[in-house]
Amino acid sequence: MTNLGFRQAMAAAGIEVRWTDVGDRYVLEEMRRGGYVLGGEQSGHVINLRHGPSGDGLAAALHLLEAIAARGETLAEAGAVMRRLPQRLVNVPVERKGDLPGATALWDAVRDAEAALGEDGRVVVRASGTEPLVRVMIEAPTADECDRWCATIAEVAARELGGRLASSADAPA
């Protein structure tokens, strides 16, 4: 679920990026399969196989500080190589998350969003592995597009999978 801006920045720098299912175990499997040294995910798990097979946030932070100091940059300057695209994630409580693969109207809505966004956006819809939820994540050039497509797809997911979306009355005060 790494921000699409990361993929765009890496492509501009000629760096290959591989995508896996969500979870550091899948990142590690792909790293080993492809012979890669560095991997991670948006949650902050960063794996550097030169130092071990698990993520270490403190080690990642120290390596980052070492690299920017060697270049004479500030953290803000180093981060400016990537333009973070607007991203929205909605967790849709559902009764039948196992029906997700056959939810035809939902996948039609996903294809509509993908066609509208093209290479400038991304749609990820997946069942939670631990909760009765379907996660809908949208990235788009504008926040308005993110909000619109996320709401559309979340509504279809709720309708098709026996769920409901939180209303403003359900939101914490």
Protein backbone atom coordinates (compact mmCIF):
# COMPACT_ATOMS: atom_id res chain seq x y z
CA MET A 1 0.00 0.00 0.00
CA THR A 2 3.03 2.22 -0.49
CA ASN A 3 2.07 5.60 -1.90
CA LEU A 4 2.01 5.78 -5.69
CA GLY A 5 4.29 8.83 -5.46
CA PHE A 6 7.04 6.46 -4.29
CA ARG A 7 6.68 4.31 -7.41
CA GLN A 8 6.80 7.41 -9.60
CA ALA A 9 9.91 8.75 -7.83
CA MET A 10 11.71 5.40 -8.09
CA ALA A 11 10.82 5.08 -11.80
CA ALA A 12 12.22 8.56 -12.42
CA ALA A 13 15.46 7.47 -10.73
CA GLY A 14 15.62 4.21 -12.73
CA ILE A 15 15.03 2.05 -9.64
CA GLU A 16 12.93 -1.10 -10.00
CA VAL A 17 10.14 -1.52 -7.46
CA ARG A 18 8.41 -4.83 -6.79
CA TRP A 19 4.93 -5.01 -5.25
CA THR A 20 3.73 -7.75 -2.92
CA ASP A 21 0.69 -8.54 -0.84
CA VAL A 22 0.41 -6.50 2.36
CA GLY A 23 2.69 -7.78 5.12
CA ASP A 24 6.41 -7.81 5.82
CA ARG A 25 6.53 -11.60 5.41
CA TYR A 26 5.51 -11.18 1.74
CA VAL A 27 8.07 -8.42 1.30
CA LEU A 28 10.77 -10.71 2.71
CA GLU A 29 9.68 -13.61 0.45
CA GLU A 30 9.93 -11.39 -2.65
CA MET A 31 13.30 -10.02 -1.54
CA ARG A 32 14.69 -13.51 -1.16
CA ARG A 33 13.14 -14.70 -4.44
CA GLY A 34 14.55 -11.76 -6.41
CA GLY A 35 17.86 -11.38 -4.59
CA TYR A 36 16.99 -7.88 -3.31
CA VAL A 37 18.65 -6.28 -0.30
CA LEU A 38 16.21 -3.53 0.69
CA GLY A 39 12.44 -3.76 1.09
CA GLY A 40 9.66 -2.32 3.13
CA GLU A 41 6.10 -1.13 3.31
CA GLN A 42 4.19 2.02 4.13
CA SER A 43 3.60 0.93 7.72
CA GLY A 44 7.27 1.58 8.38
CA HIS A 45 8.65 -1.94 8.16
CA VAL A 46 12.02 -1.59 6.42
CA ILE A 47 14.08 -4.73 5.87
CA ASN A 48 17.77 -4.50 5.03
CA LEU A 49 19.09 -8.03 4.43
CA ARG A 50 22.65 -6.87 4.95
CA HIS A 51 21.72 -6.61 8.63
CA GLY A 52 19.01 -9.26 9.12
CA PRO A 53 15.70 -10.67 7.90
CA SER A 54 13.37 -8.48 9.95
CA GLY A 55 12.48 -4.82 10.03
CA ASP A 56 14.34 -2.58 12.43
CA GLY A 57 13.01 0.96 12.64
CA LEU A 58 15.93 2.32 14.64
CA ALA A 59 18.48 0.87 12.22
CA ALA A 60 16.51 2.25 9.24
CA ALA A 61 16.41 5.70 10.84
CA LEU A 62 20.15 5.65 11.53
CA HIS A 63 20.94 4.58 7.95
CA LEU A 64 18.73 7.38 6.62
CA LEU A 65 20.43 9.98 8.82
CA GLU A 66 23.85 8.67 7.77
CA ALA A 67 22.91 8.91 4.07
CA ILE A 68 21.53 12.44 4.24
CA ALA A 69 24.48 13.63 6.31
CA ALA A 70 26.88 12.18 3.72
CA ARG A 71 25.04 14.14 1.02
CA GLY A 72 24.90 17.32 3.08
CA GLU A 73 21.11 17.42 2.87
CA THR A 74 18.36 18.02 5.36
CA LEU A 75 15.64 15.44 5.90
CA ALA A 76 13.18 17.75 4.13
CA GLU A 77 15.48 18.02 1.09
CA ALA A 78 15.88 14.24 0.90
CA GLY A 79 12.13 13.75 1.17
CA ALA A 80 11.44 16.24 -1.61
CA VAL A 81 12.41 13.65 -4.25
CA MET A 82 8.94 12.14 -3.79
CA ARG A 83 5.60 13.87 -4.25
CA ARG A 84 3.12 12.07 -2.02
CA LEU A 85 -0.19 11.61 -3.84
CA PRO A 86 -3.47 12.01 -1.96
CA GLN A 87 -4.49 8.65 -0.51
CA ARG A 88 -7.69 7.55 1.21
CA LEU A 89 -8.32 4.31 3.07
CA VAL A 90 -11.81 3.28 4.17
CA ASN A 91 -12.50 0.18 6.25
CA VAL A 92 -15.95 -1.14 5.36
CA PRO A 93 -17.48 -3.43 8.01
CA VAL A 94 -19.08 -6.36 6.17
CA GLU A 95 -20.83 -9.59 7.07
CA ARG A 96 -19.54 -11.63 4.11
CA LYS A 97 -15.94 -10.66 3.35
CA GLY A 98 -15.43 -14.15 1.89
CA ASP A 99 -17.80 -13.17 -0.94
CA LEU A 100 -15.38 -10.46 -2.10
CA PRO A 101 -13.95 -12.40 -5.09
CA GLY A 102 -17.41 -12.84 -6.64
CA ALA A 103 -18.72 -9.33 -5.91
CA THR A 104 -19.32 -8.42 -9.55
CA ALA A 105 -20.73 -4.91 -9.06
CA LEU A 106 -17.82 -4.07 -6.75
CA TRP A 107 -15.21 -5.18 -9.28
CA ASP A 108 -17.08 -3.25 -12.00
CA ALA A 109 -16.79 -0.12 -9.82
CA VAL A 110 -13.07 -0.83 -9.30
CA ARG A 111 -12.55 -1.12 -13.08
CA ASP A 112 -14.44 2.17 -13.60
CA ALA A 113 -12.17 3.92 -11.09
CA GLU A 114 -9.02 2.39 -12.60
CA ALA A 115 -10.08 3.47 -16.09
CA ALA A 116 -10.79 7.02 -14.91
CA LEU A 117 -7.55 7.35 -12.95
CA GLY A 118 -5.27 5.60 -15.45
CA GLU A 119 -1.57 5.69 -14.57
CA ASP A 120 -2.15 8.69 -12.29
CA GLY A 121 -4.00 6.72 -9.62
CA ARG A 122 -4.40 3.37 -7.97
CA VAL A 123 -7.20 1.30 -6.46
CA VAL A 124 -6.67 -1.45 -3.89
CA VAL A 125 -9.59 -3.46 -2.51
CA ARG A 126 -8.89 -6.35 -0.18
CA ALA A 127 -10.40 -8.25 2.70
CA SER A 128 -8.79 -7.77 6.08
CA GLY A 129 -6.98 -10.85 7.25
CA THR A 130 -7.98 -10.29 10.88
CA GLU A 131 -11.27 -8.37 10.97
CA PRO A 132 -14.70 -8.51 9.27
CA LEU A 133 -13.71 -5.64 6.98
CA VAL A 134 -13.04 -4.88 3.36
CA ARG A 135 -10.36 -2.22 2.93
CA VAL A 136 -10.75 0.26 0.07
CA MET A 137 -7.69 2.36 -0.73
CA ILE A 138 -7.59 4.99 -3.48
CA GLU A 139 -4.74 7.18 -4.69
CA ALA A 140 -5.39 9.95 -7.17
CA PRO A 141 -3.94 13.25 -8.33
CA THR A 142 -6.44 15.20 -6.17
CA ALA A 143 -8.04 14.68 -2.78
CA ASP A 144 -11.48 15.21 -4.32
CA GLU A 145 -10.94 12.29 -6.72
CA CYS A 146 -9.74 10.11 -3.83
CA ASP A 147 -12.79 10.95 -1.76
CA ARG A 148 -15.25 10.44 -4.61
CA TRP A 149 -13.90 7.08 -5.77
CA CYS A 150 -13.36 5.79 -2.24
CA ALA A 151 -16.97 6.67 -1.30
CA THR A 152 -18.34 5.09 -4.48
CA ILE A 153 -16.46 1.82 -4.09
CA ALA A 154 -17.06 1.62 -0.32
CA GLU A 155 -20.82 2.04 -0.88
CA VAL A 156 -20.86 -0.78 -3.44
CA ALA A 157 -18.79 -3.00 -1.13
CA ALA A 158 -21.20 -2.42 1.75
CA ARG A 159 -24.22 -3.10 -0.44
CA GLU A 160 -22.81 -6.30 -1.98
CA LEU A 161 -21.17 -7.79 1.10
CA GLY A 162 -23.78 -7.11 3.77
CA GLY A 163 -22.15 -4.16 5.41
CA ARG A 164 -22.83 -0.62 6.33
CA LEU A 165 -20.82 2.55 6.24
CA ALA A 166 -20.37 4.65 9.35
CA SER A 167 -22.60 7.70 9.34
CA SER A 168 -21.70 11.02 10.91
CA ALA A 169 -23.93 9.98 13.86
CA ASP A 170 -21.59 6.99 14.42
CA ALA A 171 -18.44 9.11 14.45
CA PRO A 172 -16.79 9.78 17.82
CA ALA A 173 -17.35 13.28 19.19
